[in-house]
Amino acid sequence: MLVIRLTRVGKTKQPSYRLVVQEKSRDPWGGYVELLGQYNPRTNPATIAFNHERITHWIGMGAQPSDTVWNLLVDQKIVTGEKRRVVQISRKRQAAGAAKSAA
């Protein structure tokens, strides 16, 4: 299955990201099928350069964007929909929160 994800590039403590299409099981730092854009969160405002046509093409072909990529695409109005929750709450923390609210 193809996935659209961010791969980290840049120097130590200065991350920037490439938006790529690759196999889901492949190493994020490995080869990719196509480069779709770049994202630099360190600039103010963040620099986002995405190829809208190719992104919609790959989504139409069945590629699944990661949650973070989906949220960026919603911000850029490339796709419509709600943002997805990116941070997952662990089961241990969920249980502690449920116990605290029950008490």
N, C-alpha and C. Protein backbone atom coordinates (compact mmCIF):
# COMPACT_ATOMS: atom_id res chain seq x y z
N MET A 1 0.84 -1.17 0.00
CA MET A 1 0.00 0.00 0.00
C MET A 1 0.89 1.24 0.00
N LEU A 2 0.51 2.21 -0.81
CA LEU A 2 1.26 3.45 -0.88
C LEU A 2 0.77 4.43 0.18
N VAL A 3 1.72 5.18 0.72
CA VAL A 3 1.40 6.17 1.75
C VAL A 3 2.13 7.47 1.42
N ILE A 4 1.48 8.58 1.73
CA ILE A 4 2.10 9.90 1.58
C ILE A 4 2.56 10.31 2.97
N ARG A 5 3.86 10.51 3.14
CA ARG A 5 4.40 10.80 4.47
C ARG A 5 5.52 11.82 4.38
N LEU A 6 5.90 12.32 5.55
CA LEU A 6 7.02 13.25 5.66
C LEU A 6 8.28 12.46 5.98
N THR A 7 9.38 12.82 5.32
CA THR A 7 10.68 12.25 5.67
C THR A 7 11.58 13.40 6.11
N ARG A 8 12.28 13.18 7.18
CA ARG A 8 13.10 14.24 7.76
C ARG A 8 14.41 14.38 6.99
N VAL A 9 14.77 15.61 6.69
CA VAL A 9 16.06 15.95 6.10
C VAL A 9 16.57 17.17 6.86
N GLY A 10 17.79 17.56 6.60
CA GLY A 10 18.34 18.73 7.27
C GLY A 10 19.42 18.35 8.26
N LYS A 11 19.99 19.37 8.87
CA LYS A 11 21.07 19.17 9.81
C LYS A 11 20.53 18.84 11.20
N THR A 12 21.45 18.51 12.10
CA THR A 12 21.09 18.22 13.48
C THR A 12 20.40 19.42 14.10
N LYS A 13 19.27 19.19 14.74
CA LYS A 13 18.47 20.20 15.42
C LYS A 13 17.93 21.27 14.48
N GLN A 14 17.98 21.03 13.17
CA GLN A 14 17.40 21.94 12.19
C GLN A 14 16.59 21.14 11.18
N PRO A 15 15.47 20.56 11.61
CA PRO A 15 14.74 19.67 10.71
C PRO A 15 13.96 20.42 9.63
N SER A 16 13.93 19.81 8.48
CA SER A 16 12.97 20.17 7.44
C SER A 16 12.52 18.84 6.86
N TYR A 17 11.44 18.85 6.13
CA TYR A 17 10.83 17.59 5.71
C TYR A 17 10.52 17.60 4.23
N ARG A 18 10.56 16.42 3.63
CA ARG A 18 10.11 16.21 2.27
C ARG A 18 8.80 15.45 2.33
N LEU A 19 7.88 15.81 1.47
CA LEU A 19 6.62 15.09 1.34
C LEU A 19 6.79 14.10 0.19
N VAL A 20 6.73 12.80 0.51
CA VAL A 20 7.01 11.77 -0.49
C VAL A 20 5.91 10.72 -0.51
N VAL A 21 5.86 10.00 -1.64
CA VAL A 21 5.00 8.83 -1.77
C VAL A 21 5.91 7.62 -1.70
N GLN A 22 5.62 6.67 -0.80
CA GLN A 22 6.40 5.45 -0.70
C GLN A 22 5.54 4.31 -0.17
N GLU A 23 6.10 3.12 -0.27
CA GLU A 23 5.42 1.95 0.29
C GLU A 23 5.34 2.10 1.80
N LYS A 24 4.23 1.68 2.38
CA LYS A 24 4.03 1.82 3.83
C LYS A 24 5.08 1.05 4.62
N SER A 25 5.49 -0.12 4.12
CA SER A 25 6.43 -0.96 4.86
C SER A 25 7.88 -0.51 4.68
N ARG A 26 8.13 0.45 3.84
CA ARG A 26 9.49 0.88 3.54
C ARG A 26 10.01 1.84 4.62
N ASP A 27 11.31 1.82 4.81
CA ASP A 27 11.98 2.71 5.74
C ASP A 27 11.75 4.16 5.30
N PRO A 28 11.34 5.07 6.20
CA PRO A 28 11.08 6.45 5.81
C PRO A 28 12.29 7.15 5.18
N TRP A 29 13.50 6.69 5.50
CA TRP A 29 14.69 7.31 4.93
C TRP A 29 15.14 6.60 3.67
N GLY A 30 14.40 5.58 3.25
CA GLY A 30 14.73 4.83 2.04
C GLY A 30 14.23 5.55 0.80
N GLY A 31 14.25 4.82 -0.31
CA GLY A 31 13.81 5.39 -1.57
C GLY A 31 12.32 5.65 -1.58
N TYR A 32 11.90 6.54 -2.47
CA TYR A 32 10.49 6.88 -2.57
C TYR A 32 10.07 6.86 -4.03
N VAL A 33 8.78 6.82 -4.26
CA VAL A 33 8.24 6.77 -5.61
C VAL A 33 8.27 8.15 -6.24
N GLU A 34 7.83 9.16 -5.50
CA GLU A 34 7.81 10.52 -6.03
C GLU A 34 7.91 11.54 -4.91
N LEU A 35 8.61 12.63 -5.17
CA LEU A 35 8.72 13.75 -4.25
C LEU A 35 7.59 14.73 -4.56
N LEU A 36 6.77 15.03 -3.55
CA LEU A 36 5.59 15.87 -3.76
C LEU A 36 5.72 17.28 -3.21
N GLY A 37 6.73 17.53 -2.40
CA GLY A 37 6.87 18.87 -1.86
C GLY A 37 7.83 18.92 -0.69
N GLN A 38 7.89 20.10 -0.06
CA GLN A 38 8.78 20.31 1.07
C GLN A 38 8.03 21.08 2.15
N TYR A 39 8.48 20.86 3.39
CA TYR A 39 7.86 21.52 4.55
C TYR A 39 8.96 21.88 5.53
N ASN A 40 9.03 23.16 5.89
CA ASN A 40 10.01 23.63 6.87
C ASN A 40 9.28 24.32 8.01
N PRO A 41 9.12 23.63 9.15
CA PRO A 41 8.38 24.22 10.27
C PRO A 41 9.16 25.27 11.05
N ARG A 42 10.45 25.42 10.78
CA ARG A 42 11.28 26.32 11.57
C ARG A 42 11.18 27.77 11.13
N THR A 43 10.71 28.02 9.92
CA THR A 43 10.56 29.41 9.48
C THR A 43 9.28 29.99 10.07
N ASN A 44 9.19 31.30 10.10
CA ASN A 44 8.00 31.94 10.65
C ASN A 44 7.38 32.85 9.59
N PRO A 45 6.27 32.49 9.01
CA PRO A 45 5.47 31.27 9.17
C PRO A 45 6.13 30.09 8.48
N ALA A 46 5.66 28.90 8.79
CA ALA A 46 6.24 27.67 8.24
C ALA A 46 6.18 27.69 6.71
N THR A 47 7.27 27.26 6.07
CA THR A 47 7.34 27.21 4.62
C THR A 47 6.76 25.89 4.14
N ILE A 48 5.71 25.98 3.33
CA ILE A 48 5.06 24.79 2.80
C ILE A 48 5.00 24.94 1.29
N ALA A 49 5.63 24.01 0.56
CA ALA A 49 5.62 24.02 -0.90
C ALA A 49 5.20 22.63 -1.37
N PHE A 50 3.90 22.47 -1.63
CA PHE A 50 3.36 21.19 -2.07
C PHE A 50 2.89 21.29 -3.51
N ASN A 51 3.01 20.18 -4.25
CA ASN A 51 2.52 20.09 -5.62
C ASN A 51 1.07 19.58 -5.55
N HIS A 52 0.12 20.50 -5.62
CA HIS A 52 -1.30 20.18 -5.43
C HIS A 52 -1.79 19.14 -6.42
N GLU A 53 -1.41 19.29 -7.68
CA GLU A 53 -1.90 18.37 -8.72
C GLU A 53 -1.44 16.94 -8.46
N ARG A 54 -0.18 16.77 -8.13
CA ARG A 54 0.35 15.43 -7.91
C ARG A 54 -0.20 14.80 -6.63
N ILE A 55 -0.44 15.61 -5.62
CA ILE A 55 -1.01 15.09 -4.38
C ILE A 55 -2.42 14.56 -4.63
N THR A 56 -3.24 15.34 -5.34
CA THR A 56 -4.59 14.87 -5.64
C THR A 56 -4.55 13.65 -6.55
N HIS A 57 -3.57 13.59 -7.46
CA HIS A 57 -3.42 12.42 -8.32
C HIS A 57 -3.14 11.17 -7.49
N TRP A 58 -2.19 11.25 -6.56
CA TRP A 58 -1.82 10.07 -5.77
C TRP A 58 -2.93 9.67 -4.80
N ILE A 59 -3.65 10.63 -4.25
CA ILE A 59 -4.78 10.28 -3.39
C ILE A 59 -5.86 9.60 -4.21
N GLY A 60 -6.06 10.06 -5.44
CA GLY A 60 -7.01 9.42 -6.34
C GLY A 60 -6.59 8.01 -6.72
N MET A 61 -5.28 7.75 -6.75
CA MET A 61 -4.76 6.42 -7.08
C MET A 61 -4.81 5.49 -5.87
N GLY A 62 -5.17 6.01 -4.69
CA GLY A 62 -5.32 5.17 -3.51
C GLY A 62 -4.26 5.33 -2.45
N ALA A 63 -3.33 6.28 -2.61
CA ALA A 63 -2.31 6.51 -1.59
C ALA A 63 -2.97 7.13 -0.36
N GLN A 64 -2.59 6.66 0.82
CA GLN A 64 -3.16 7.13 2.08
C GLN A 64 -2.21 8.13 2.74
N PRO A 65 -2.64 9.37 2.99
CA PRO A 65 -1.77 10.31 3.69
C PRO A 65 -1.69 9.96 5.18
N SER A 66 -0.52 10.18 5.78
CA SER A 66 -0.39 9.98 7.22
C SER A 66 -1.22 11.04 7.93
N ASP A 67 -1.43 10.87 9.23
CA ASP A 67 -2.27 11.81 9.97
C ASP A 67 -1.69 13.23 9.95
N THR A 68 -0.39 13.35 10.12
CA THR A 68 0.25 14.67 10.10
C THR A 68 0.13 15.30 8.72
N VAL A 69 0.36 14.51 7.68
CA VAL A 69 0.24 15.02 6.32
C VAL A 69 -1.21 15.42 6.05
N TRP A 70 -2.16 14.61 6.49
CA TRP A 70 -3.58 14.94 6.30
C TRP A 70 -3.89 16.30 6.90
N ASN A 71 -3.40 16.56 8.12
CA ASN A 71 -3.66 17.83 8.78
C ASN A 71 -3.04 19.00 8.02
N LEU A 72 -1.84 18.80 7.46
CA LEU A 72 -1.22 19.85 6.64
C LEU A 72 -2.02 20.09 5.37
N LEU A 73 -2.52 19.02 4.75
CA LEU A 73 -3.30 19.16 3.52
C LEU A 73 -4.63 19.86 3.79
N VAL A 74 -5.23 19.61 4.95
CA VAL A 74 -6.47 20.31 5.32
C VAL A 74 -6.17 21.79 5.52
N ASP A 75 -5.06 22.12 6.17
CA ASP A 75 -4.67 23.52 6.37
C ASP A 75 -4.46 24.23 5.04
N GLN A 76 -3.87 23.54 4.06
CA GLN A 76 -3.59 24.11 2.75
C GLN A 76 -4.81 24.07 1.82
N LYS A 77 -5.91 23.48 2.29
CA LYS A 77 -7.16 23.34 1.53
C LYS A 77 -6.97 22.51 0.26
N ILE A 78 -6.06 21.54 0.32
CA ILE A 78 -5.88 20.60 -0.79
C ILE A 78 -6.93 19.50 -0.69
N VAL A 79 -7.26 19.09 0.53
CA VAL A 79 -8.33 18.13 0.77
C VAL A 79 -9.33 18.76 1.73
N THR A 80 -10.56 18.26 1.69
CA THR A 80 -11.57 18.76 2.61
C THR A 80 -11.84 17.70 3.66
N GLY A 81 -12.17 18.12 4.83
CA GLY A 81 -12.45 17.20 5.92
C GLY A 81 -11.95 17.76 7.23
N GLU A 82 -12.13 16.98 8.27
CA GLU A 82 -11.68 17.40 9.59
C GLU A 82 -10.26 16.92 9.83
N LYS A 83 -9.58 17.64 10.71
CA LYS A 83 -8.24 17.22 11.09
C LYS A 83 -8.32 15.95 11.92
N ARG A 84 -7.24 15.18 11.86
CA ARG A 84 -7.17 13.93 12.61
C ARG A 84 -6.34 14.14 13.87
N ARG A 85 -6.65 13.36 14.89
CA ARG A 85 -5.86 13.40 16.12
C ARG A 85 -4.52 12.72 15.85
N VAL A 86 -3.43 13.40 16.14
CA VAL A 86 -2.10 12.88 15.86
C VAL A 86 -1.50 12.22 17.08
N VAL A 87 -1.67 12.82 18.25
CA VAL A 87 -1.09 12.30 19.48
C VAL A 87 -2.02 11.23 20.03
N GLN A 88 -1.49 10.05 20.26
CA GLN A 88 -2.27 8.95 20.80
C GLN A 88 -2.07 8.88 22.32
N ILE A 89 -3.15 8.72 23.06
CA ILE A 89 -3.07 8.59 24.51
C ILE A 89 -2.88 7.12 24.85
N SER A 90 -1.88 6.82 25.67
CA SER A 90 -1.58 5.43 26.02
C SER A 90 -2.71 4.82 26.84
N ARG A 91 -2.80 3.51 26.82
CA ARG A 91 -3.84 2.81 27.59
C ARG A 91 -3.69 3.06 29.09
N LYS A 92 -2.45 3.12 29.53
CA LYS A 92 -2.18 3.35 30.95
C LYS A 92 -2.72 4.73 31.37
N ARG A 93 -2.48 5.73 30.56
CA ARG A 93 -2.94 7.08 30.87
C ARG A 93 -4.47 7.18 30.74
N GLN A 94 -5.05 6.47 29.76
CA GLN A 94 -6.51 6.45 29.63
C GLN A 94 -7.16 5.85 30.87
N ALA A 95 -6.58 4.73 31.36
CA ALA A 95 -7.12 4.07 32.55
C ALA A 95 -7.01 4.99 33.77
N ALA A 96 -5.89 5.69 33.89
CA ALA A 96 -5.71 6.60 35.02
C ALA A 96 -6.72 7.75 34.94
N GLY A 97 -6.97 8.25 33.75
CA GLY A 97 -7.94 9.33 33.58
C GLY A 97 -9.35 8.87 33.86
N ALA A 98 -9.69 7.64 33.46
CA ALA A 98 -11.02 7.10 33.72
C ALA A 98 -11.23 6.88 35.22
N ALA A 99 -10.19 6.38 35.90
CA ALA A 99 -10.29 6.16 37.34
C ALA A 99 -10.43 7.49 38.09
N LYS A 100 -9.72 8.49 37.62
CA LYS A 100 -9.77 9.79 38.27
C LYS A 100 -11.14 10.44 38.09
N SER A 101 -11.72 10.32 36.88
CA SER A 101 -13.03 10.92 36.63
C SER A 101 -14.15 10.16 37.34
N ALA A 102 -13.96 8.85 37.55
CA ALA A 102 -14.97 8.04 38.25
C ALA A 102 -14.97 8.34 39.75
N ALA A 103 -13.83 8.76 40.28
CA ALA A 103 -13.72 9.00 41.73
C ALA A 103 -14.30 10.32 42.15
